[in-house]
Amino acid sequence: MLRSMKLKPSNNGLSNHILPTSANLLGICFLIFSFAHTTGKSEATLLDEMAGIAVVVFMLATIFSYLSIRIDRESHFENFADIFFFVGILLLALTSTLMIFKLIV
């Protein structure tokens, strides 16, 4: 199972889609982070910590995606961008779900 999950360079142009999407989601994470601080919820909840981690993850996805486009298509940058993007999506989905059910807000 783990052998099939090796990072292989891909040439499918995924970075061209990850770059703008992760940049937009990075802005949404900043919005959530700002919301937590302006409402005073940052001390009592994990909302700002989760949004802060998502900011870092989407920033890494954006950087690796950009490097994949600019440097070399044969590098592993696109795979790293894909992994960080997926982790960011999961983290943002978890944060949103917890906000909906008022578990962290």
C-alpha atoms as a PDB file:
ATOM      1  CA  MET A   1       0.000   0.000   0.000  1.00  0.00           C
ATOM      2  CA  LEU A   2       2.705   2.503   0.959  1.00  0.00           C
ATOM      3  CA  ARG A   3       4.768   1.610  -2.081  1.00  0.00           C
ATOM      4  CA  SER A   4       2.027   2.833  -4.376  1.00  0.00           C
ATOM      5  CA  MET A   5       1.988   6.205  -2.586  1.00  0.00           C
ATOM      6  CA  LYS A   6       5.517   7.220  -3.613  1.00  0.00           C
ATOM      7  CA  LEU A   7       5.911  10.792  -4.722  1.00  0.00           C
ATOM      8  CA  LYS A   8       6.391  10.818  -8.475  1.00  0.00           C
ATOM      9  CA  PRO A   9       6.871  13.913 -10.554  1.00  0.00           C
ATOM     10  CA  SER A  10       3.793  14.659 -12.606  1.00  0.00           C
ATOM     11  CA  ASN A  11       3.405  16.714 -15.732  1.00  0.00           C
ATOM     12  CA  ASN A  12      -0.334  17.140 -15.670  1.00  0.00           C
ATOM     13  CA  GLY A  13      -0.331  20.873 -14.906  1.00  0.00           C
ATOM     14  CA  LEU A  14      -2.024  20.528 -11.552  1.00  0.00           C
ATOM     15  CA  SER A  15       0.001  23.431 -10.189  1.00  0.00           C
ATOM     16  CA  ASN A  16      -1.766  25.789 -12.577  1.00  0.00           C
ATOM     17  CA  HIS A  17      -4.972  25.007 -10.697  1.00  0.00           C
ATOM     18  CA  ILE A  18      -3.525  24.756  -7.182  1.00  0.00           C
ATOM     19  CA  LEU A  19      -1.842  28.169  -7.285  1.00  0.00           C
ATOM     20  CA  PRO A  20      -4.927  30.405  -7.690  1.00  0.00           C
ATOM     21  CA  THR A  21      -7.181  28.180  -5.605  1.00  0.00           C
ATOM     22  CA  SER A  22      -4.799  27.939  -2.661  1.00  0.00           C
ATOM     23  CA  ALA A  23      -4.231  31.691  -2.800  1.00  0.00           C
ATOM     24  CA  ASN A  24      -7.994  32.273  -2.599  1.00  0.00           C
ATOM     25  CA  LEU A  25      -8.380  29.811   0.268  1.00  0.00           C
ATOM     26  CA  LEU A  26      -5.471  31.512   2.001  1.00  0.00           C
ATOM     27  CA  GLY A  27      -7.535  34.709   1.947  1.00  0.00           C
ATOM     28  CA  ILE A  28     -10.516  32.889   3.423  1.00  0.00           C
ATOM     29  CA  CYS A  29      -8.329  31.569   6.233  1.00  0.00           C
ATOM     30  CA  PHE A  30      -7.124  35.116   6.940  1.00  0.00           C
ATOM     31  CA  LEU A  31     -10.773  36.183   7.049  1.00  0.00           C
ATOM     32  CA  ILE A  32     -11.581  33.469   9.619  1.00  0.00           C
ATOM     33  CA  PHE A  33      -8.476  34.417  11.599  1.00  0.00           C
ATOM     34  CA  SER A  34      -9.497  38.095  11.598  1.00  0.00           C
ATOM     35  CA  PHE A  35     -13.065  37.181  12.553  1.00  0.00           C
ATOM     36  CA  ALA A  36     -11.808  35.289  15.601  1.00  0.00           C
ATOM     37  CA  HIS A  37      -9.733  38.245  16.755  1.00  0.00           C
ATOM     38  CA  THR A  38     -12.293  40.987  16.130  1.00  0.00           C
ATOM     39  CA  THR A  39     -15.068  39.122  17.944  1.00  0.00           C
ATOM     40  CA  GLY A  40     -12.852  38.322  20.899  1.00  0.00           C
ATOM     41  CA  LYS A  41     -13.201  34.575  20.395  1.00  0.00           C
ATOM     42  CA  SER A  42      -9.476  33.989  19.954  1.00  0.00           C
ATOM     43  CA  GLU A  43      -8.835  33.503  23.676  1.00  0.00           C
ATOM     44  CA  ALA A  44     -11.709  31.116  24.361  1.00  0.00           C
ATOM     45  CA  THR A  45     -11.635  28.908  21.260  1.00  0.00           C
ATOM     46  CA  LEU A  46      -9.294  27.047  18.939  1.00  0.00           C
ATOM     47  CA  LEU A  47     -10.641  28.926  15.930  1.00  0.00           C
ATOM     48  CA  ASP A  48      -7.653  31.225  15.454  1.00  0.00           C
ATOM     49  CA  GLU A  49      -5.149  28.395  15.983  1.00  0.00           C
ATOM     50  CA  MET A  50      -6.850  26.224  13.368  1.00  0.00           C
ATOM     51  CA  ALA A  51      -7.092  29.136  10.940  1.00  0.00           C
ATOM     52  CA  GLY A  52      -3.451  30.004  11.589  1.00  0.00           C
ATOM     53  CA  ILE A  53      -2.340  26.470  10.797  1.00  0.00           C
ATOM     54  CA  ALA A  54      -4.475  26.522   7.639  1.00  0.00           C
ATOM     55  CA  VAL A  55      -2.804  29.804   6.625  1.00  0.00           C
ATOM     56  CA  VAL A  56       0.625  28.175   6.884  1.00  0.00           C
ATOM     57  CA  VAL A  57      -0.503  25.051   5.004  1.00  0.00           C
ATOM     58  CA  PHE A  58      -2.103  27.008   2.147  1.00  0.00           C
ATOM     59  CA  MET A  59       0.941  29.296   2.017  1.00  0.00           C
ATOM     60  CA  LEU A  60       3.162  26.239   1.546  1.00  0.00           C
ATOM     61  CA  ALA A  61       0.825  24.903  -1.143  1.00  0.00           C
ATOM     62  CA  THR A  62       0.986  28.250  -2.925  1.00  0.00           C
ATOM     63  CA  ILE A  63       4.782  28.436  -2.725  1.00  0.00           C
ATOM     64  CA  PHE A  64       5.352  24.861  -3.912  1.00  0.00           C
ATOM     65  CA  SER A  65       2.834  25.327  -6.712  1.00  0.00           C
ATOM     66  CA  TYR A  66       4.599  28.465  -7.874  1.00  0.00           C
ATOM     67  CA  LEU A  67       7.979  26.743  -7.711  1.00  0.00           C
ATOM     68  CA  SER A  68       6.605  23.861  -9.736  1.00  0.00           C
ATOM     69  CA  ILE A  69       5.463  26.211 -12.476  1.00  0.00           C
ATOM     70  CA  ARG A  70       8.600  28.358 -12.537  1.00  0.00           C
ATOM     71  CA  ILE A  71      11.469  25.938 -11.918  1.00  0.00           C
ATOM     72  CA  ASP A  72      11.022  22.495 -13.363  1.00  0.00           C
ATOM     73  CA  ARG A  73       8.157  20.254 -14.330  1.00  0.00           C
ATOM     74  CA  GLU A  74      10.195  17.171 -13.414  1.00  0.00           C
ATOM     75  CA  SER A  75      10.586  18.212  -9.777  1.00  0.00           C
ATOM     76  CA  HIS A  76       8.541  17.053  -6.807  1.00  0.00           C
ATOM     77  CA  PHE A  77       7.244  20.553  -6.077  1.00  0.00           C
ATOM     78  CA  GLU A  78       3.873  19.846  -7.680  1.00  0.00           C
ATOM     79  CA  ASN A  79       3.391  16.760  -5.517  1.00  0.00           C
ATOM     80  CA  PHE A  80       4.248  18.724  -2.376  1.00  0.00           C
ATOM     81  CA  ALA A  81       1.816  21.458  -3.435  1.00  0.00           C
ATOM     82  CA  ASP A  82      -0.872  18.822  -3.954  1.00  0.00           C
ATOM     83  CA  ILE A  83      -0.278  17.279  -0.523  1.00  0.00           C
ATOM     84  CA  PHE A  84      -0.309  20.630   1.298  1.00  0.00           C
ATOM     85  CA  PHE A  85      -3.394  21.718  -0.639  1.00  0.00           C
ATOM     86  CA  PHE A  86      -5.252  18.552   0.341  1.00  0.00           C
ATOM     87  CA  VAL A  87      -4.257  18.934   4.007  1.00  0.00           C
ATOM     88  CA  GLY A  88      -5.389  22.566   3.905  1.00  0.00           C
ATOM     89  CA  ILE A  89      -8.746  21.594   2.424  1.00  0.00           C
ATOM     90  CA  LEU A  90      -9.240  18.993   5.171  1.00  0.00           C
ATOM     91  CA  LEU A  91      -8.271  21.491   7.867  1.00  0.00           C
ATOM     92  CA  LEU A  92     -10.555  24.180   6.457  1.00  0.00           C
ATOM     93  CA  ALA A  93     -13.426  21.679   6.178  1.00  0.00           C
ATOM     94  CA  LEU A  94     -12.903  20.613   9.792  1.00  0.00           C
ATOM     95  CA  THR A  95     -12.776  24.214  10.976  1.00  0.00           C
ATOM     96  CA  SER A  96     -15.924  25.097   9.021  1.00  0.00           C
ATOM     97  CA  THR A  97     -17.776  22.052  10.329  1.00  0.00           C
ATOM     98  CA  LEU A  98     -16.851  22.880  13.905  1.00  0.00           C
ATOM     99  CA  MET A  99     -17.995  26.459  13.356  1.00  0.00           C
ATOM    100  CA  ILE A 100     -21.332  25.302  11.930  1.00  0.00           C
ATOM    101  CA  PHE A 101     -22.043  23.098  14.901  1.00  0.00           C
ATOM    102  CA  LYS A 102     -20.810  25.841  17.241  1.00  0.00           C
ATOM    103  CA  LEU A 103     -18.184  23.661  18.815  1.00  0.00           C
ATOM    104  CA  ILE A 104     -15.380  26.202  18.534  1.00  0.00           C
ATOM    105  CA  VAL A 105     -17.244  29.517  18.188  1.00  0.00           C
END
